[in-house]
């Protein structure tokens, strides 16, 4: 014998699953662009110097620990996007009618696009705010051999394709992991989504020590 789990009382969705996936992807992309604006405002600039050597060569160096700002700014962007990914995973799960692999894929793709949008918007605004470093155009002369410059912070930890891909995929992986952890903790096979499906649970076996007396014992009584 078996018994059914609690009834899934979720109502039919008003919009299709495909449209719901599009809304998730578009919303995350817009949120990523807004995070790019926030990052460009928070990211620290990198101060350096361009100097003219005695041999006439131009050299570029960073002041003190200013070079650490490249790592700090990239870590800041990834941190903002991971927070967005975790919040988005929990929020998308609350859309109970569309729970399932379609929205999980939309969440993952949306977080990847949000990272790309944040990096693009942030890099453009940071370079607009601080300008681009031009070592060849620095106004250094034999009379004024030192010129101080300010450089925009970096959105990636490096310029290699592997480092860029890792930055783009890390928030998406975090969102997928959070969504999966919530899904595996759900007792229903349909995840409480639409259409509802009955989940049948096996009846526990009858224990011998709680069984009633046998037939001959009853007759003897």
Protein backbone atom coordinates (compact mmCIF):
# COMPACT_ATOMS: atom_id res chain seq x y z
CA UNK A 1 0.00 0.00 0.00
CA UNK A 2 1.07 3.59 -0.45
CA UNK A 3 -0.04 7.07 0.50
CA UNK A 4 0.14 10.34 -1.42
CA UNK A 5 2.20 13.36 -0.34
CA UNK A 6 0.66 16.75 0.36
CA UNK A 7 -1.40 18.03 -2.53
CA UNK A 8 0.19 20.57 -4.85
CA UNK A 9 -2.33 23.42 -4.89
CA UNK A 10 -0.42 25.79 -7.18
CA UNK A 11 -2.61 27.46 -9.78
CA UNK A 12 -2.11 27.47 -13.53
CA UNK A 13 0.33 30.20 -14.65
CA UNK A 14 -0.95 33.21 -16.54
CA UNK A 15 2.06 33.34 -18.88
CA UNK A 16 3.85 30.60 -20.77
CA UNK A 17 7.04 28.99 -19.53
CA UNK A 18 9.00 30.35 -22.48
CA UNK A 19 7.92 33.90 -21.71
CA UNK A 20 8.79 33.39 -18.06
CA UNK A 21 12.28 32.29 -19.08
CA UNK A 22 12.66 35.39 -21.25
CA UNK A 23 11.59 37.63 -18.37
CA UNK A 24 14.20 36.03 -16.10
CA UNK A 25 16.99 36.43 -18.65
CA UNK A 26 16.05 40.01 -19.53
CA UNK A 27 15.61 41.05 -15.91
CA UNK A 28 18.98 39.64 -14.90
CA UNK A 29 20.70 41.34 -17.84
CA UNK A 30 19.26 44.72 -16.84
CA UNK A 31 20.21 44.09 -13.20
CA UNK A 32 23.75 43.27 -14.31
CA UNK A 33 24.01 46.53 -16.23
CA UNK A 34 22.89 48.45 -13.14
CA UNK A 35 25.52 46.65 -11.09
CA UNK A 36 28.07 47.75 -13.67
CA UNK A 37 27.07 51.36 -13.01
CA UNK A 38 27.39 50.79 -9.26
CA UNK A 39 30.79 49.14 -9.70
CA UNK A 40 32.11 52.02 -11.82
CA UNK A 41 31.19 54.39 -8.99
CA UNK A 42 32.69 52.23 -6.23
CA UNK A 43 35.79 50.84 -7.93
CA UNK A 44 39.00 52.56 -6.79
CA UNK A 45 41.19 54.28 -9.41
CA UNK A 46 44.77 53.17 -9.92
CA UNK A 47 47.40 55.89 -9.51
CA UNK A 48 50.69 55.62 -11.31
CA UNK A 49 53.51 57.58 -12.84
CA UNK A 50 55.13 57.86 -16.24
CA UNK A 51 58.80 58.82 -16.07
CA UNK A 52 61.45 59.66 -18.64
CA UNK A 53 64.76 57.92 -18.06
CA UNK A 54 68.19 59.37 -18.76
CA UNK A 55 68.35 57.30 -21.94
CA UNK A 56 65.09 58.82 -23.19
CA UNK A 57 62.87 55.77 -22.54
CA UNK A 58 59.43 56.11 -20.99
CA UNK A 59 58.67 53.84 -18.03
CA UNK A 60 55.41 53.30 -16.22
CA UNK A 61 55.06 52.29 -12.57
CA UNK A 62 52.34 52.24 -9.93
CA UNK A 63 52.52 54.22 -6.71
CA UNK A 64 52.82 52.17 -3.54
CA UNK A 65 50.23 49.41 -3.44
CA UNK A 66 48.00 50.94 -6.11
CA UNK A 67 48.49 47.89 -8.34
CA UNK A 68 46.46 45.87 -5.82
CA UNK A 69 43.40 47.82 -6.89
CA UNK A 70 43.23 45.77 -10.08
CA UNK A 71 42.52 42.66 -7.99
CA UNK A 72 40.29 44.52 -5.54
CA UNK A 73 38.10 45.98 -8.26
CA UNK A 74 37.71 42.65 -10.09
CA UNK A 75 36.87 40.88 -6.82
CA UNK A 76 34.34 43.61 -6.04
CA UNK A 77 32.56 43.06 -9.36
CA UNK A 78 32.44 39.29 -8.87
CA UNK A 79 31.17 39.74 -5.32
CA UNK A 80 28.32 41.99 -6.45
CA UNK A 81 27.36 39.51 -9.14
CA UNK A 82 27.44 36.53 -6.77
CA UNK A 83 25.05 38.36 -4.44
CA UNK A 84 22.79 39.00 -7.43
CA UNK A 85 23.01 35.32 -8.43
CA UNK A 86 22.03 34.03 -4.98
CA UNK A 87 19.15 36.49 -4.61
CA UNK A 88 17.97 35.72 -8.15
CA UNK A 89 18.03 31.96 -7.53
CA UNK A 90 15.84 32.32 -4.44
CA UNK A 91 13.51 34.77 -6.22
CA UNK A 92 13.13 32.56 -9.30
CA UNK A 93 12.30 29.58 -7.07
CA UNK A 94 9.42 31.59 -5.62
CA UNK A 95 7.83 31.57 -9.10
CA UNK A 96 6.41 28.21 -8.15
CA UNK A 97 4.28 27.59 -11.24
CA UNK A 98 7.35 27.51 -13.49
CA UNK A 99 9.77 25.58 -11.30
CA UNK A 100 11.91 23.19 -13.28
CA UNK A 101 14.79 22.85 -15.74
CA UNK A 102 13.55 25.59 -18.09
CA UNK A 103 13.74 28.32 -15.48
CA UNK A 104 16.95 26.85 -14.08
CA UNK A 105 18.54 27.19 -17.52
CA UNK A 106 17.14 30.72 -17.87
CA UNK A 107 18.58 31.61 -14.46
CA UNK A 108 22.03 30.31 -15.43
CA UNK A 109 22.05 32.04 -18.81
CA UNK A 110 20.69 35.25 -17.30
CA UNK A 111 23.46 35.37 -14.68
CA UNK A 112 26.10 34.86 -17.37
CA UNK A 113 24.59 37.70 -19.43
CA UNK A 114 24.33 39.84 -16.29
CA UNK A 115 28.06 39.37 -15.71
CA UNK A 116 28.84 40.32 -19.31
CA UNK A 117 26.58 43.39 -19.07
CA UNK A 118 28.11 44.47 -15.76
CA UNK A 119 31.64 44.07 -17.11
CA UNK A 120 30.87 45.96 -20.31
CA UNK A 121 29.00 48.84 -18.69
CA UNK A 122 31.47 49.06 -15.83
CA UNK A 123 34.51 49.13 -18.10
CA UNK A 124 33.02 51.83 -20.35
CA UNK A 125 32.02 54.06 -17.44
CA UNK A 126 35.30 53.56 -15.61
CA UNK A 127 37.31 54.55 -18.69
CA UNK A 128 34.99 57.51 -19.24
CA UNK A 129 35.52 58.56 -15.63
CA UNK A 130 39.29 58.13 -15.41
CA UNK A 131 40.38 58.04 -19.03
CA UNK A 132 42.75 55.63 -20.73
CA UNK A 133 46.42 55.31 -20.01
CA UNK A 134 48.58 56.72 -22.82
CA UNK A 135 52.24 56.22 -22.02
CA UNK A 136 53.42 57.46 -25.40
CA UNK A 137 51.37 60.65 -25.08
CA UNK A 138 52.40 61.52 -21.53
CA UNK A 139 53.87 65.06 -21.43
CA UNK A 140 57.30 64.18 -20.05
CA UNK A 141 60.36 66.18 -21.06
CA UNK A 142 63.99 66.38 -19.94
CA UNK A 143 62.92 69.32 -17.77
CA UNK A 144 59.82 67.52 -16.34
CA UNK A 145 60.64 63.83 -16.25
CA UNK A 146 57.73 62.66 -14.09
CA UNK A 147 54.03 62.73 -14.94
CA UNK A 148 51.36 61.35 -12.62
CA UNK A 149 48.52 59.39 -14.20
CA UNK A 150 45.25 57.84 -13.06
CA UNK A 151 44.10 54.58 -14.62
CA UNK A 152 40.68 52.93 -14.59
CA UNK A 153 40.27 49.77 -12.52
CA UNK A 154 39.90 46.35 -14.14
CA UNK A 155 36.71 44.28 -14.40
CA UNK A 156 38.59 40.98 -14.90
CA UNK A 157 41.40 39.31 -12.99
CA UNK A 158 43.43 39.03 -16.18
CA UNK A 159 43.28 39.33 -19.94
CA UNK A 160 43.49 35.65 -20.86
CA UNK A 161 40.41 33.94 -22.29
CA UNK A 162 40.35 31.44 -19.41
CA UNK A 163 40.27 34.20 -16.78
CA UNK A 164 37.53 36.07 -18.61
CA UNK A 165 35.46 32.91 -19.08
CA UNK A 166 35.88 32.00 -15.40
CA UNK A 167 34.63 35.43 -14.34
CA UNK A 168 31.62 35.20 -16.64
CA UNK A 169 30.62 31.70 -15.55
CA UNK A 170 31.28 31.83 -11.81
CA UNK A 171 28.13 33.80 -10.81
CA UNK A 172 26.06 31.60 -13.15
CA UNK A 173 27.46 28.48 -11.48
CA UNK A 174 26.62 29.88 -8.04
CA UNK A 175 23.03 30.59 -9.10
CA UNK A 176 22.64 27.07 -10.53
CA UNK A 177 24.04 25.53 -7.35
CA UNK A 178 21.68 27.46 -5.08
CA UNK A 179 18.67 26.59 -7.27
CA UNK A 180 19.69 22.92 -7.32
CA UNK A 181 20.13 22.80 -3.53
CA UNK A 182 16.62 24.18 -3.05
CA UNK A 183 15.23 21.70 -5.59
CA UNK A 184 16.79 18.62 -4.00
CA UNK A 185 15.36 19.62 -0.62
CA UNK A 186 11.83 19.50 -2.03
CA UNK A 187 9.88 16.31 -1.31
CA UNK A 188 7.67 16.51 -4.39
CA UNK A 189 8.75 15.15 -7.76
CA UNK A 190 7.05 18.09 -9.53
CA UNK A 191 8.90 20.57 -7.24
CA UNK A 192 5.53 22.06 -6.34
CA UNK A 193 5.18 23.49 -9.85
CA UNK A 194 2.65 23.27 -12.66
CA UNK A 195 1.20 20.87 -13.75
CA UNK A 196 0.82 19.16 -10.39
CA UNK A 197 1.63 15.48 -10.11
CA UNK A 198 0.72 13.12 -7.30
CA UNK A 199 3.70 11.86 -5.35
CA UNK A 200 3.09 8.46 -3.79
CA UNK A 201 5.07 7.50 -0.72
CA UNK A 202 5.39 3.86 0.41
CA UNK A 203 3.48 2.87 3.54
CA UNK A 204 5.80 1.95 6.44
CA UNK A 205 5.89 -1.79 7.13
CA UNK A 206 3.84 -3.07 10.06
CA UNK A 207 6.00 -3.75 13.12
CA UNK A 208 5.62 -7.13 14.80
CA UNK A 209 5.75 -5.70 18.31
CA UNK A 210 2.70 -3.52 17.72
CA UNK A 211 0.61 -6.21 16.01
CA UNK A 212 -2.44 -7.56 17.79
CA UNK A 213 -2.62 -11.06 19.33
CA UNK A 214 -2.96 -14.04 17.03
CA UNK A 215 -6.14 -16.05 16.53
CA UNK A 216 -5.48 -18.93 18.97
CA UNK A 217 -4.48 -16.48 21.72
CA UNK A 218 -7.76 -14.65 21.31
CA UNK A 219 -9.70 -17.94 21.58
CA UNK A 220 -7.87 -18.93 24.73
CA UNK A 221 -8.83 -15.60 26.30
